[in-house]
Protein backbone atom coordinates (compact mmCIF):
# COMPACT_ATOMS: atom_id res chain seq x y z
CA UNK A 1 0.00 0.00 0.00
CA UNK A 2 0.91 3.66 -0.26
CA UNK A 3 1.51 5.71 2.87
CA UNK A 4 1.70 9.48 3.27
CA UNK A 5 4.57 10.78 5.38
CA UNK A 6 5.69 14.12 6.78
CA UNK A 7 9.30 12.97 6.99
CA UNK A 8 11.77 14.50 4.57
CA UNK A 9 13.65 12.10 2.30
CA UNK A 10 17.11 10.83 3.15
CA UNK A 11 19.07 12.03 0.15
CA UNK A 12 22.16 9.90 0.74
CA UNK A 13 20.49 6.53 1.30
CA UNK A 14 22.71 3.99 -0.47
CA UNK A 15 19.96 1.99 -2.17
CA UNK A 16 18.88 4.92 -4.37
CA UNK A 17 20.51 4.19 -7.71
CA UNK A 18 18.46 6.59 -9.83
CA UNK A 19 17.26 9.85 -8.24
CA UNK A 20 14.99 11.78 -10.63
CA UNK A 21 13.82 15.40 -10.48
CA UNK A 22 10.97 16.93 -12.48
CA UNK A 23 8.92 20.13 -12.43
CA UNK A 24 5.30 20.95 -13.13
CA UNK A 25 3.88 24.40 -13.75
CA UNK A 26 0.42 24.85 -12.26
CA UNK A 27 -0.01 28.63 -12.32
CA UNK A 28 -1.35 29.79 -8.94
CA UNK A 29 -1.00 28.99 -5.23
CA UNK A 30 -4.57 27.63 -5.18
CA UNK A 31 -3.89 25.26 -8.09
CA UNK A 32 -0.60 24.35 -6.45
CA UNK A 33 -2.42 23.17 -3.31
CA UNK A 34 -5.11 21.42 -5.34
CA UNK A 35 -2.49 19.56 -7.36
CA UNK A 36 -0.65 18.37 -4.25
CA UNK A 37 -3.89 16.98 -2.84
CA UNK A 38 -4.78 15.40 -6.20
CA UNK A 39 -1.41 13.65 -6.25
CA UNK A 40 -1.90 12.44 -2.67
CA UNK A 41 -5.44 11.20 -3.36
CA UNK A 42 -4.48 9.49 -6.62
CA UNK A 43 -1.53 7.66 -5.13
CA UNK A 44 -3.13 6.73 -1.80
CA UNK A 45 -6.09 5.16 -3.59
CA UNK A 46 -3.74 2.81 -5.42
CA UNK A 47 -1.18 0.20 -4.40
CA UNK A 48 2.45 1.20 -4.25
CA UNK A 49 3.49 0.65 -7.88
CA UNK A 50 6.77 -1.25 -7.50
CA UNK A 51 9.43 -2.25 -5.00
CA UNK A 52 11.86 -0.36 -7.22
CA UNK A 53 10.34 2.99 -6.18
CA UNK A 54 11.70 3.83 -2.73
CA UNK A 55 10.00 7.18 -2.19
CA UNK A 56 8.20 10.01 -3.99
CA UNK A 57 8.29 13.58 -2.68
CA UNK A 58 6.65 16.81 -3.85
CA UNK A 59 7.65 20.41 -3.06
CA UNK A 60 5.78 23.67 -3.58
CA UNK A 61 7.64 26.55 -5.24
CA UNK A 62 7.84 29.66 -3.09
CA UNK A 63 6.09 31.82 -5.72
CA UNK A 64 3.10 29.46 -5.92
CA UNK A 65 3.52 28.70 -9.61
CA UNK A 66 4.94 25.21 -9.68
CA UNK A 67 5.90 21.93 -8.07
CA UNK A 68 9.14 20.00 -7.83
CA UNK A 69 9.00 16.21 -7.83
CA UNK A 70 11.83 14.11 -6.40
CA UNK A 71 11.59 10.34 -6.82
CA UNK A 72 14.00 7.77 -5.45
CA UNK A 73 14.39 4.71 -7.69
CA UNK A 74 16.50 1.63 -7.16
CA UNK A 75 17.50 1.80 -10.82
CA UNK A 76 16.33 3.19 -14.14
CA UNK A 77 14.78 -0.15 -15.13
CA UNK A 78 12.27 0.17 -12.31
CA UNK A 79 11.29 3.62 -13.55
CA UNK A 80 10.93 2.46 -17.16
CA UNK A 81 8.64 -0.37 -16.06
CA UNK A 82 6.51 2.12 -14.09
CA UNK A 83 6.21 4.36 -17.16
CA UNK A 84 5.00 1.47 -19.29
CA UNK A 85 2.36 0.20 -16.87
CA UNK A 86 1.26 2.76 -14.27
CA UNK A 87 2.35 6.36 -14.83
CA UNK A 88 -0.16 7.51 -17.45
CA UNK A 89 -3.21 6.29 -15.55
CA UNK A 90 -2.09 8.23 -12.47
CA UNK A 91 -1.32 11.36 -14.44
CA UNK A 92 -4.74 11.15 -16.10
CA UNK A 93 -6.44 11.02 -12.70
CA UNK A 94 -4.48 14.04 -11.50
CA UNK A 95 -5.26 15.95 -14.70
CA UNK A 96 -8.96 15.22 -14.28
CA UNK A 97 -8.86 16.81 -10.83
CA UNK A 98 -6.69 19.78 -11.91
CA UNK A 99 -6.78 20.33 -15.68
CA UNK A 100 -4.06 22.27 -17.46
CA UNK A 101 -0.92 21.13 -15.62
CA UNK A 102 2.24 21.70 -17.66
CA UNK A 103 4.83 18.98 -17.16
CA UNK A 104 8.06 20.80 -17.90
CA UNK A 105 10.50 17.91 -17.94
CA UNK A 106 12.25 15.08 -16.13
CA UNK A 107 15.93 15.09 -15.20
CA UNK A 108 17.79 11.84 -14.59
CA UNK A 109 20.61 12.13 -12.07
CA UNK A 110 23.07 10.25 -9.91
CA UNK A 111 24.00 11.57 -6.49
CA UNK A 112 27.69 12.39 -6.37
CA UNK A 113 28.39 13.96 -2.99
CA UNK A 114 26.59 15.10 0.15
CA UNK A 115 27.87 17.73 2.57
CA UNK A 116 26.43 18.50 6.00
CA UNK A 117 27.02 21.41 8.35
CA UNK A 118 28.86 21.11 11.64
CA UNK A 119 25.65 20.38 13.54
CA UNK A 120 24.70 17.62 11.14
CA UNK A 121 21.28 16.97 9.64
CA UNK A 122 19.65 14.77 12.25
CA UNK A 123 18.97 17.50 14.80
CA UNK A 124 17.40 20.00 12.38
CA UNK A 125 14.30 19.74 10.22
CA UNK A 126 14.52 21.56 6.88
CA UNK A 127 11.96 24.34 6.55
CA UNK A 128 13.16 25.19 3.07
CA UNK A 129 14.68 23.25 0.19
CA UNK A 130 16.75 25.24 -2.30
CA UNK A 131 17.35 23.72 -5.71
CA UNK A 132 20.44 25.08 -7.46
CA UNK A 133 20.44 23.97 -11.10
CA UNK A 134 23.76 24.42 -12.93
CA UNK A 135 24.20 23.94 -16.68
CA UNK A 136 27.36 23.47 -18.74
CA UNK A 137 27.80 24.09 -22.45
CA UNK A 138 28.11 20.40 -23.30
CA UNK A 139 28.40 16.88 -21.87
CA UNK A 140 31.51 16.29 -19.77
CA UNK A 141 31.16 14.00 -16.71
CA UNK A 142 34.69 14.80 -15.54
CA UNK A 143 33.86 18.51 -15.56
CA UNK A 144 30.70 17.90 -13.55
CA UNK A 145 32.67 16.16 -10.81
CA UNK A 146 35.51 18.68 -10.87
CA UNK A 147 33.09 21.58 -10.42
CA UNK A 148 31.41 19.94 -7.42
CA UNK A 149 34.85 19.22 -5.95
CA UNK A 150 35.67 22.92 -6.34
CA UNK A 151 32.45 23.89 -4.57
CA UNK A 152 33.32 21.58 -1.68
CA UNK A 153 36.78 23.14 -1.44
CA UNK A 154 35.28 26.63 -1.35
CA UNK A 155 32.70 25.62 1.27
CA UNK A 156 35.33 24.00 3.46
CA UNK A 157 37.46 27.14 3.36
CA UNK A 158 34.49 29.50 3.81
CA UNK A 159 35.37 31.92 6.64
CA UNK A 160 31.78 33.06 7.15
CA UNK A 161 29.56 30.00 7.36
CA UNK A 162 25.90 30.95 7.17
CA UNK A 163 23.55 30.00 10.00
CA UNK A 164 20.63 27.86 8.97
CA UNK A 165 22.35 25.81 6.32
CA UNK A 166 21.82 22.09 6.98
CA UNK A 167 23.13 20.10 4.03
CA UNK A 168 23.91 20.09 0.33
CA UNK A 169 23.41 17.09 -1.94
CA UNK A 170 25.05 17.32 -5.35
CA UNK A 171 23.58 15.31 -8.23
CA UNK A 172 25.09 14.86 -11.69
CA UNK A 173 22.79 14.53 -14.69
CA UNK A 174 23.28 11.31 -16.60
CA UNK A 175 23.75 13.24 -19.87
CA UNK A 176 26.81 14.99 -18.43
CA UNK A 177 25.51 18.55 -18.83
CA UNK A 178 24.06 19.59 -15.45
CA UNK A 179 24.64 19.61 -11.71
CA UNK A 180 21.71 19.86 -9.31
CA UNK A 181 22.27 20.79 -5.68
CA UNK A 182 19.44 19.87 -3.32
CA UNK A 183 20.23 22.14 -0.36
CA UNK A 184 18.38 21.97 2.96
CA UNK A 185 17.95 25.11 5.07
CA UNK A 186 16.22 25.64 8.41
CA UNK A 187 14.06 28.42 6.93
CA UNK A 188 13.71 30.36 3.71
CA UNK A 189 14.78 33.50 5.59
CA UNK A 190 18.12 31.91 6.44
CA UNK A 191 18.74 31.41 2.72
CA UNK A 192 17.59 34.95 1.90
CA UNK A 193 19.93 36.35 4.55
CA UNK A 194 22.83 34.29 3.19
CA UNK A 195 22.26 35.67 -0.30
CA UNK A 196 22.24 39.22 1.08
CA UNK A 197 25.79 38.98 2.45
CA UNK A 198 28.78 40.25 0.39
CA UNK A 199 29.71 38.04 -2.54
CA UNK A 200 28.00 36.52 -5.56
CA UNK A 201 25.48 34.05 -4.19
CA UNK A 202 26.14 32.08 -1.01
CA UNK A 203 29.93 32.22 -1.17
CA UNK A 204 32.02 35.08 0.18
CA UNK A 205 34.13 37.15 -2.26
CA UNK A 206 37.13 34.81 -2.33
CA UNK A 207 39.38 33.37 -5.02
CA UNK A 208 37.94 29.90 -4.45
CA UNK A 209 34.37 31.06 -4.99
CA UNK A 210 35.38 33.14 -8.00
CA UNK A 211 36.87 29.97 -9.47
CA UNK A 212 33.56 28.16 -8.93
CA UNK A 213 31.53 30.98 -10.50
CA UNK A 214 33.77 31.37 -13.57
CA UNK A 215 34.34 27.68 -14.28
CA UNK A 216 35.06 27.02 -17.98
CA UNK A 217 31.93 25.97 -19.84
CA UNK A 218 29.51 27.18 -17.16
CA UNK A 219 26.47 28.79 -18.82
CA UNK A 220 24.17 31.50 -17.49
CA UNK A 221 21.14 29.26 -17.75
CA UNK A 222 21.30 28.00 -14.16
CA UNK A 223 18.65 28.79 -11.57
CA UNK A 224 18.08 28.99 -7.83
CA UNK A 225 14.56 28.17 -6.58
CA UNK A 226 13.22 27.89 -3.04
CA UNK A 227 10.64 25.22 -2.21
CA UNK A 228 8.61 24.08 0.76
CA UNK A 229 8.08 20.38 1.45
CA UNK A 230 4.49 19.54 0.50
CA UNK A 231 4.03 15.78 0.27
CA UNK A 232 5.86 12.55 0.92
CA UNK A 233 4.69 9.13 -0.32
CA UNK A 234 6.37 5.86 0.63
CA UNK A 235 5.49 2.16 0.60
CA UNK A 236 3.56 1.03 3.66
C-alpha atoms as a PDB file:
ATOM      1  CA  UNK A   1       0.000   0.000   0.000  1.00  0.00           C
ATOM      2  CA  UNK A   2       0.913   3.663  -0.258  1.00  0.00           C
ATOM      3  CA  UNK A   3       1.514   5.713   2.872  1.00  0.00           C
ATOM      4  CA  UNK A   4       1.695   9.481   3.271  1.00  0.00           C
ATOM      5  CA  UNK A   5       4.571  10.776   5.379  1.00  0.00           C
ATOM      6  CA  UNK A   6       5.692  14.122   6.779  1.00  0.00           C
ATOM      7  CA  UNK A   7       9.304  12.970   6.988  1.00  0.00           C
ATOM      8  CA  UNK A   8      11.771  14.503   4.570  1.00  0.00           C
ATOM      9  CA  UNK A   9      13.654  12.104   2.302  1.00  0.00           C
ATOM     10  CA  UNK A  10      17.108  10.826   3.151  1.00  0.00           C
ATOM     11  CA  UNK A  11      19.067  12.026   0.146  1.00  0.00           C
ATOM     12  CA  UNK A  12      22.162   9.903   0.736  1.00  0.00           C
ATOM     13  CA  UNK A  13      20.486   6.530   1.300  1.00  0.00           C
ATOM     14  CA  UNK A  14      22.708   3.994  -0.468  1.00  0.00           C
ATOM     15  CA  UNK A  15      19.961   1.986  -2.175  1.00  0.00           C
ATOM     16  CA  UNK A  16      18.876   4.923  -4.366  1.00  0.00           C
ATOM     17  CA  UNK A  17      20.509   4.188  -7.709  1.00  0.00           C
ATOM     18  CA  UNK A  18      18.457   6.589  -9.829  1.00  0.00           C
ATOM     19  CA  UNK A  19      17.264   9.854  -8.242  1.00  0.00           C
ATOM     20  CA  UNK A  20      14.989  11.781 -10.626  1.00  0.00           C
ATOM     21  CA  UNK A  21      13.820  15.396 -10.476  1.00  0.00           C
ATOM     22  CA  UNK A  22      10.975  16.934 -12.476  1.00  0.00           C
ATOM     23  CA  UNK A  23       8.920  20.128 -12.431  1.00  0.00           C
ATOM     24  CA  UNK A  24       5.300  20.949 -13.128  1.00  0.00           C
ATOM     25  CA  UNK A  25       3.877  24.396 -13.752  1.00  0.00           C
ATOM     26  CA  UNK A  26       0.418  24.853 -12.255  1.00  0.00           C
ATOM     27  CA  UNK A  27      -0.008  28.635 -12.322  1.00  0.00           C
ATOM     28  CA  UNK A  28      -1.349  29.785  -8.942  1.00  0.00           C
ATOM     29  CA  UNK A  29      -1.005  28.986  -5.230  1.00  0.00           C
ATOM     30  CA  UNK A  30      -4.566  27.626  -5.179  1.00  0.00           C
ATOM     31  CA  UNK A  31      -3.887  25.261  -8.088  1.00  0.00           C
ATOM     32  CA  UNK A  32      -0.596  24.345  -6.446  1.00  0.00           C
ATOM     33  CA  UNK A  33      -2.422  23.174  -3.307  1.00  0.00           C
ATOM     34  CA  UNK A  34      -5.108  21.422  -5.342  1.00  0.00           C
ATOM     35  CA  UNK A  35      -2.492  19.556  -7.358  1.00  0.00           C
ATOM     36  CA  UNK A  36      -0.650  18.371  -4.249  1.00  0.00           C
ATOM     37  CA  UNK A  37      -3.891  16.976  -2.842  1.00  0.00           C
ATOM     38  CA  UNK A  38      -4.781  15.404  -6.202  1.00  0.00           C
ATOM     39  CA  UNK A  39      -1.409  13.649  -6.246  1.00  0.00           C
ATOM     40  CA  UNK A  40      -1.902  12.440  -2.673  1.00  0.00           C
ATOM     41  CA  UNK A  41      -5.437  11.204  -3.356  1.00  0.00           C
ATOM     42  CA  UNK A  42      -4.482   9.490  -6.615  1.00  0.00           C
ATOM     43  CA  UNK A  43      -1.530   7.657  -5.133  1.00  0.00           C
ATOM     44  CA  UNK A  44      -3.125   6.731  -1.800  1.00  0.00           C
ATOM     45  CA  UNK A  45      -6.089   5.156  -3.589  1.00  0.00           C
ATOM     46  CA  UNK A  46      -3.738   2.812  -5.424  1.00  0.00           C
ATOM     47  CA  UNK A  47      -1.181   0.197  -4.404  1.00  0.00           C
ATOM     48  CA  UNK A  48       2.452   1.198  -4.254  1.00  0.00           C
ATOM     49  CA  UNK A  49       3.487   0.649  -7.879  1.00  0.00           C
ATOM     50  CA  UNK A  50       6.770  -1.246  -7.501  1.00  0.00           C
ATOM     51  CA  UNK A  51       9.431  -2.247  -5.003  1.00  0.00           C
ATOM     52  CA  UNK A  52      11.864  -0.357  -7.216  1.00  0.00           C
ATOM     53  CA  UNK A  53      10.342   2.987  -6.184  1.00  0.00           C
ATOM     54  CA  UNK A  54      11.702   3.828  -2.731  1.00  0.00           C
ATOM     55  CA  UNK A  55       9.997   7.181  -2.192  1.00  0.00           C
ATOM     56  CA  UNK A  56       8.204  10.006  -3.993  1.00  0.00           C
ATOM     57  CA  UNK A  57       8.286  13.581  -2.678  1.00  0.00           C
ATOM     58  CA  UNK A  58       6.653  16.809  -3.847  1.00  0.00           C
ATOM     59  CA  UNK A  59       7.654  20.405  -3.063  1.00  0.00           C
ATOM     60  CA  UNK A  60       5.784  23.673  -3.582  1.00  0.00           C
ATOM     61  CA  UNK A  61       7.644  26.546  -5.236  1.00  0.00           C
ATOM     62  CA  UNK A  62       7.843  29.664  -3.092  1.00  0.00           C
ATOM     63  CA  UNK A  63       6.090  31.819  -5.716  1.00  0.00           C
ATOM     64  CA  UNK A  64       3.104  29.460  -5.917  1.00  0.00           C
ATOM     65  CA  UNK A  65       3.516  28.704  -9.611  1.00  0.00           C
ATOM     66  CA  UNK A  66       4.942  25.214  -9.681  1.00  0.00           C
ATOM     67  CA  UNK A  67       5.901  21.934  -8.067  1.00  0.00           C
ATOM     68  CA  UNK A  68       9.136  20.001  -7.832  1.00  0.00           C
ATOM     69  CA  UNK A  69       9.002  16.205  -7.832  1.00  0.00           C
ATOM     70  CA  UNK A  70      11.829  14.105  -6.402  1.00  0.00           C
ATOM     71  CA  UNK A  71      11.585  10.339  -6.825  1.00  0.00           C
ATOM     72  CA  UNK A  72      14.001   7.768  -5.453  1.00  0.00           C
ATOM     73  CA  UNK A  73      14.387   4.712  -7.694  1.00  0.00           C
ATOM     74  CA  UNK A  74      16.496   1.635  -7.160  1.00  0.00           C
ATOM     75  CA  UNK A  75      17.500   1.796 -10.822  1.00  0.00           C
ATOM     76  CA  UNK A  76      16.327   3.187 -14.140  1.00  0.00           C
ATOM     77  CA  UNK A  77      14.783  -0.151 -15.134  1.00  0.00           C
ATOM     78  CA  UNK A  78      12.265   0.167 -12.308  1.00  0.00           C
ATOM     79  CA  UNK A  79      11.293   3.617 -13.548  1.00  0.00           C
ATOM     80  CA  UNK A  80      10.926   2.461 -17.161  1.00  0.00           C
ATOM     81  CA  UNK A  81       8.644  -0.369 -16.060  1.00  0.00           C
ATOM     82  CA  UNK A  82       6.508   2.115 -14.095  1.00  0.00           C
ATOM     83  CA  UNK A  83       6.213   4.362 -17.162  1.00  0.00           C
ATOM     84  CA  UNK A  84       4.996   1.474 -19.292  1.00  0.00           C
ATOM     85  CA  UNK A  85       2.357   0.205 -16.872  1.00  0.00           C
ATOM     86  CA  UNK A  86       1.263   2.756 -14.273  1.00  0.00           C
ATOM     87  CA  UNK A  87       2.353   6.363 -14.830  1.00  0.00           C
ATOM     88  CA  UNK A  88      -0.162   7.512 -17.450  1.00  0.00           C
ATOM     89  CA  UNK A  89      -3.206   6.289 -15.549  1.00  0.00           C
ATOM     90  CA  UNK A  90      -2.087   8.229 -12.470  1.00  0.00           C
ATOM     91  CA  UNK A  91      -1.317  11.362 -14.442  1.00  0.00           C
ATOM     92  CA  UNK A  92      -4.743  11.150 -16.098  1.00  0.00           C
ATOM     93  CA  UNK A  93      -6.444  11.016 -12.702  1.00  0.00           C
ATOM     94  CA  UNK A  94      -4.478  14.045 -11.498  1.00  0.00           C
ATOM     95  CA  UNK A  95      -5.259  15.952 -14.705  1.00  0.00           C
ATOM     96  CA  UNK A  96      -8.959  15.219 -14.278  1.00  0.00           C
ATOM     97  CA  UNK A  97      -8.857  16.811 -10.829  1.00  0.00           C
ATOM     98  CA  UNK A  98      -6.692  19.777 -11.910  1.00  0.00           C
ATOM     99  CA  UNK A  99      -6.782  20.332 -15.684  1.00  0.00           C
ATOM    100  CA  UNK A 100      -4.055  22.265 -17.462  1.00  0.00           C
ATOM    101  CA  UNK A 101      -0.921  21.131 -15.622  1.00  0.00           C
ATOM    102  CA  UNK A 102       2.237  21.703 -17.656  1.00  0.00           C
ATOM    103  CA  UNK A 103       4.828  18.981 -17.160  1.00  0.00           C
ATOM    104  CA  UNK A 104       8.058  20.797 -17.895  1.00  0.00           C
ATOM    105  CA  UNK A 105      10.502  17.906 -17.942  1.00  0.00           C
ATOM    106  CA  UNK A 106      12.252  15.082 -16.132  1.00  0.00           C
ATOM    107  CA  UNK A 107      15.926  15.092 -15.202  1.00  0.00           C
ATOM    108  CA  UNK A 108      17.793  11.844 -14.586  1.00  0.00           C
ATOM    109  CA  UNK A 109      20.614  12.128 -12.071  1.00  0.00           C
ATOM    110  CA  UNK A 110      23.072  10.248  -9.906  1.00  0.00           C
ATOM    111  CA  UNK A 111      23.997  11.571  -6.486  1.00  0.00           C
ATOM    112  CA  UNK A 112      27.694  12.386  -6.373  1.00  0.00           C
ATOM    113  CA  UNK A 113      28.391  13.958  -2.992  1.00  0.00           C
ATOM    114  CA  UNK A 114      26.589  15.097   0.152  1.00  0.00           C
ATOM    115  CA  UNK A 115      27.874  17.731   2.568  1.00  0.00           C
ATOM    116  CA  UNK A 116      26.434  18.503   5.999  1.00  0.00           C
ATOM    117  CA  UNK A 117      27.015  21.411   8.350  1.00  0.00           C
ATOM    118  CA  UNK A 118      28.859  21.109  11.638  1.00  0.00           C
ATOM    119  CA  UNK A 119      25.646  20.380  13.543  1.00  0.00           C
ATOM    120  CA  UNK A 120      24.697  17.616  11.136  1.00  0.00           C
ATOM    121  CA  UNK A 121      21.280  16.969   9.642  1.00  0.00           C
ATOM    122  CA  UNK A 122      19.650  14.775  12.247  1.00  0.00           C
ATOM    123  CA  UNK A 123      18.973  17.505  14.804  1.00  0.00           C
ATOM    124  CA  UNK A 124      17.400  19.998  12.379  1.00  0.00           C
ATOM    125  CA  UNK A 125      14.297  19.735  10.220  1.00  0.00           C
ATOM    126  CA  UNK A 126      14.518  21.564   6.884  1.00  0.00           C
ATOM    127  CA  UNK A 127      11.960  24.340   6.551  1.00  0.00           C
ATOM    128  CA  UNK A 128      13.161  25.193   3.070  1.00  0.00           C
ATOM    129  CA  UNK A 129      14.675  23.248   0.191  1.00  0.00           C
ATOM    130  CA  UNK A 130      16.747  25.237  -2.297  1.00  0.00           C
ATOM    131  CA  UNK A 131      17.351  23.721  -5.712  1.00  0.00           C
ATOM    132  CA  UNK A 132      20.437  25.083  -7.459  1.00  0.00           C
ATOM    133  CA  UNK A 133      20.438  23.973 -11.099  1.00  0.00           C
ATOM    134  CA  UNK A 134      23.762  24.419 -12.929  1.00  0.00           C
ATOM    135  CA  UNK A 135      24.202  23.943 -16.680  1.00  0.00           C
ATOM    136  CA  UNK A 136      27.364  23.468 -18.737  1.00  0.00           C
ATOM    137  CA  UNK A 137      27.796  24.086 -22.449  1.00  0.00           C
ATOM    138  CA  UNK A 138      28.106  20.405 -23.298  1.00  0.00           C
ATOM    139  CA  UNK A 139      28.396  16.882 -21.865  1.00  0.00           C
ATOM    140  CA  UNK A 140      31.509  16.290 -19.765  1.00  0.00           C
ATOM    141  CA  UNK A 141      31.159  13.999 -16.711  1.00  0.00           C
ATOM    142  CA  UNK A 142      34.688  14.801 -15.538  1.00  0.00           C
ATOM    143  CA  UNK A 143      33.857  18.508 -15.561  1.00  0.00           C
ATOM    144  CA  UNK A 144      30.696  17.903 -13.545  1.00  0.00           C
ATOM    145  CA  UNK A 145      32.669  16.159 -10.812  1.00  0.00           C
ATOM    146  CA  UNK A 146      35.514  18.676 -10.871  1.00  0.00           C
ATOM    147  CA  UNK A 147      33.085  21.578 -10.421  1.00  0.00           C
ATOM    148  CA  UNK A 148      31.408  19.941  -7.423  1.00  0.00           C
ATOM    149  CA  UNK A 149      34.846  19.223  -5.946  1.00  0.00           C
ATOM    150  CA  UNK A 150      35.672  22.922  -6.340  1.00  0.00           C
ATOM    151  CA  UNK A 151      32.447  23.888  -4.573  1.00  0.00           C
ATOM    152  CA  UNK A 152      33.317  21.578  -1.684  1.00  0.00           C
ATOM    153  CA  UNK A 153      36.782  23.137  -1.441  1.00  0.00           C
ATOM    154  CA  UNK A 154      35.278  26.626  -1.345  1.00  0.00           C
ATOM    155  CA  UNK A 155      32.695  25.620   1.268  1.00  0.00           C
ATOM    156  CA  UNK A 156      35.332  23.997   3.457  1.00  0.00           C
ATOM    157  CA  UNK A 157      37.458  27.143   3.363  1.00  0.00           C
ATOM    158  CA  UNK A 158      34.495  29.504   3.811  1.00  0.00           C
ATOM    159  CA  UNK A 159      35.372  31.925   6.642  1.00  0.00           C
ATOM    160  CA  UNK A 160      31.779  33.060   7.153  1.00  0.00           C
ATOM    161  CA  UNK A 161      29.559  30.002   7.356  1.00  0.00           C
ATOM    162  CA  UNK A 162      25.902  30.955   7.166  1.00  0.00           C
ATOM    163  CA  UNK A 163      23.550  29.995  10.000  1.00  0.00           C
ATOM    164  CA  UNK A 164      20.628  27.864   8.974  1.00  0.00           C
ATOM    165  CA  UNK A 165      22.350  25.809   6.317  1.00  0.00           C
ATOM    166  CA  UNK A 166      21.817  22.092   6.982  1.00  0.00           C
ATOM    167  CA  UNK A 167      23.133  20.104   4.029  1.00  0.00           C
ATOM    168  CA  UNK A 168      23.913  20.093   0.332  1.00  0.00           C
ATOM    169  CA  UNK A 169      23.415  17.091  -1.936  1.00  0.00           C
ATOM    170  CA  UNK A 170      25.052  17.316  -5.355  1.00  0.00           C
ATOM    171  CA  UNK A 171      23.584  15.312  -8.225  1.00  0.00           C
ATOM    172  CA  UNK A 172      25.091  14.863 -11.687  1.00  0.00           C
ATOM    173  CA  UNK A 173      22.792  14.530 -14.694  1.00  0.00           C
ATOM    174  CA  UNK A 174      23.276  11.313 -16.600  1.00  0.00           C
ATOM    175  CA  UNK A 175      23.745  13.238 -19.867  1.00  0.00           C
ATOM    176  CA  UNK A 176      26.812  14.994 -18.432  1.00  0.00           C
ATOM    177  CA  UNK A 177      25.506  18.555 -18.828  1.00  0.00           C
ATOM    178  CA  UNK A 178      24.061  19.587 -15.450  1.00  0.00           C
ATOM    179  CA  UNK A 179      24.644  19.611 -11.711  1.00  0.00           C
ATOM    180  CA  UNK A 180      21.708  19.861  -9.310  1.00  0.00           C
ATOM    181  CA  UNK A 181      22.272  20.787  -5.681  1.00  0.00           C
ATOM    182  CA  UNK A 182      19.435  19.869  -3.315  1.00  0.00           C
ATOM    183  CA  UNK A 183      20.232  22.142  -0.356  1.00  0.00           C
ATOM    184  CA  UNK A 184      18.383  21.970   2.960  1.00  0.00           C
ATOM    185  CA  UNK A 185      17.946  25.113   5.072  1.00  0.00           C
ATOM    186  CA  UNK A 186      16.218  25.635   8.406  1.00  0.00           C
ATOM    187  CA  UNK A 187      14.057  28.415   6.934  1.00  0.00           C
ATOM    188  CA  UNK A 188      13.706  30.364   3.711  1.00  0.00           C
ATOM    189  CA  UNK A 189      14.779  33.500   5.587  1.00  0.00           C
ATOM    190  CA  UNK A 190      18.122  31.912   6.444  1.00  0.00           C
ATOM    191  CA  UNK A 191      18.744  31.413   2.721  1.00  0.00           C
ATOM    192  CA  UNK A 192      17.587  34.952   1.896  1.00  0.00           C
ATOM    193  CA  UNK A 193      19.927  36.351   4.546  1.00  0.00           C
ATOM    194  CA  UNK A 194      22.832  34.291   3.189  1.00  0.00           C
ATOM    195  CA  UNK A 195      22.259  35.667  -0.302  1.00  0.00           C
ATOM    196  CA  UNK A 196      22.240  39.216   1.084  1.00  0.00           C
ATOM    197  CA  UNK A 197      25.794  38.985   2.452  1.00  0.00           C
ATOM    198  CA  UNK A 198      28.779  40.252   0.393  1.00  0.00           C
ATOM    199  CA  UNK A 199      29.713  38.043  -2.540  1.00  0.00           C
ATOM    200  CA  UNK A 200      28.002  36.523  -5.557  1.00  0.00           C
ATOM    201  CA  UNK A 201      25.483  34.050  -4.189  1.00  0.00           C
ATOM    202  CA  UNK A 202      26.136  32.084  -1.011  1.00  0.00           C
ATOM    203  CA  UNK A 203      29.930  32.216  -1.171  1.00  0.00           C
ATOM    204  CA  UNK A 204      32.018  35.084   0.180  1.00  0.00           C
ATOM    205  CA  UNK A 205      34.127  37.151  -2.261  1.00  0.00           C
ATOM    206  CA  UNK A 206      37.127  34.806  -2.328  1.00  0.00           C
ATOM    207  CA  UNK A 207      39.379  33.370  -5.015  1.00  0.00           C
ATOM    208  CA  UNK A 208      37.944  29.904  -4.447  1.00  0.00           C
ATOM    209  CA  UNK A 209      34.372  31.062  -4.991  1.00  0.00           C
ATOM    210  CA  UNK A 210      35.381  33.144  -8.002  1.00  0.00           C
ATOM    211  CA  UNK A 211      36.871  29.972  -9.470  1.00  0.00           C
ATOM    212  CA  UNK A 212      33.559  28.164  -8.927  1.00  0.00           C
ATOM    213  CA  UNK A 213      31.535  30.977 -10.496  1.00  0.00           C
ATOM    214  CA  UNK A 214      33.767  31.373 -13.570  1.00  0.00           C
ATOM    215  CA  UNK A 215      34.339  27.681 -14.277  1.00  0.00           C
ATOM    216  CA  UNK A 216      35.059  27.017 -17.980  1.00  0.00           C
ATOM    217  CA  UNK A 217      31.926  25.975 -19.837  1.00  0.00           C
ATOM    218  CA  UNK A 218      29.507  27.177 -17.160  1.00  0.00           C
ATOM    219  CA  UNK A 219      26.474  28.786 -18.816  1.00  0.00           C
ATOM    220  CA  UNK A 220      24.172  31.497 -17.485  1.00  0.00           C
ATOM    221  CA  UNK A 221      21.137  29.255 -17.747  1.00  0.00           C
ATOM    222  CA  UNK A 222      21.301  28.004 -14.161  1.00  0.00           C
ATOM    223  CA  UNK A 223      18.647  28.786 -11.572  1.00  0.00           C
ATOM    224  CA  UNK A 224      18.079  28.986  -7.829  1.00  0.00           C
ATOM    225  CA  UNK A 225      14.564  28.166  -6.582  1.00  0.00           C
ATOM    226  CA  UNK A 226      13.223  27.894  -3.040  1.00  0.00           C
ATOM    227  CA  UNK A 227      10.644  25.222  -2.215  1.00  0.00           C
ATOM    228  CA  UNK A 228       8.609  24.078   0.762  1.00  0.00           C
ATOM    229  CA  UNK A 229       8.080  20.385   1.451  1.00  0.00           C
ATOM    230  CA  UNK A 230       4.490  19.542   0.505  1.00  0.00           C
ATOM    231  CA  UNK A 231       4.031  15.778   0.273  1.00  0.00           C
ATOM    232  CA  UNK A 232       5.858  12.546   0.916  1.00  0.00           C
ATOM    233  CA  UNK A 233       4.687   9.130  -0.323  1.00  0.00           C
ATOM    234  CA  UNK A 234       6.374   5.864   0.625  1.00  0.00           C
ATOM    235  CA  UNK A 235       5.492   2.164   0.597  1.00  0.00           C
ATOM    236  CA  UNK A 236       3.557   1.030   3.658  1.00  0.00           C
END
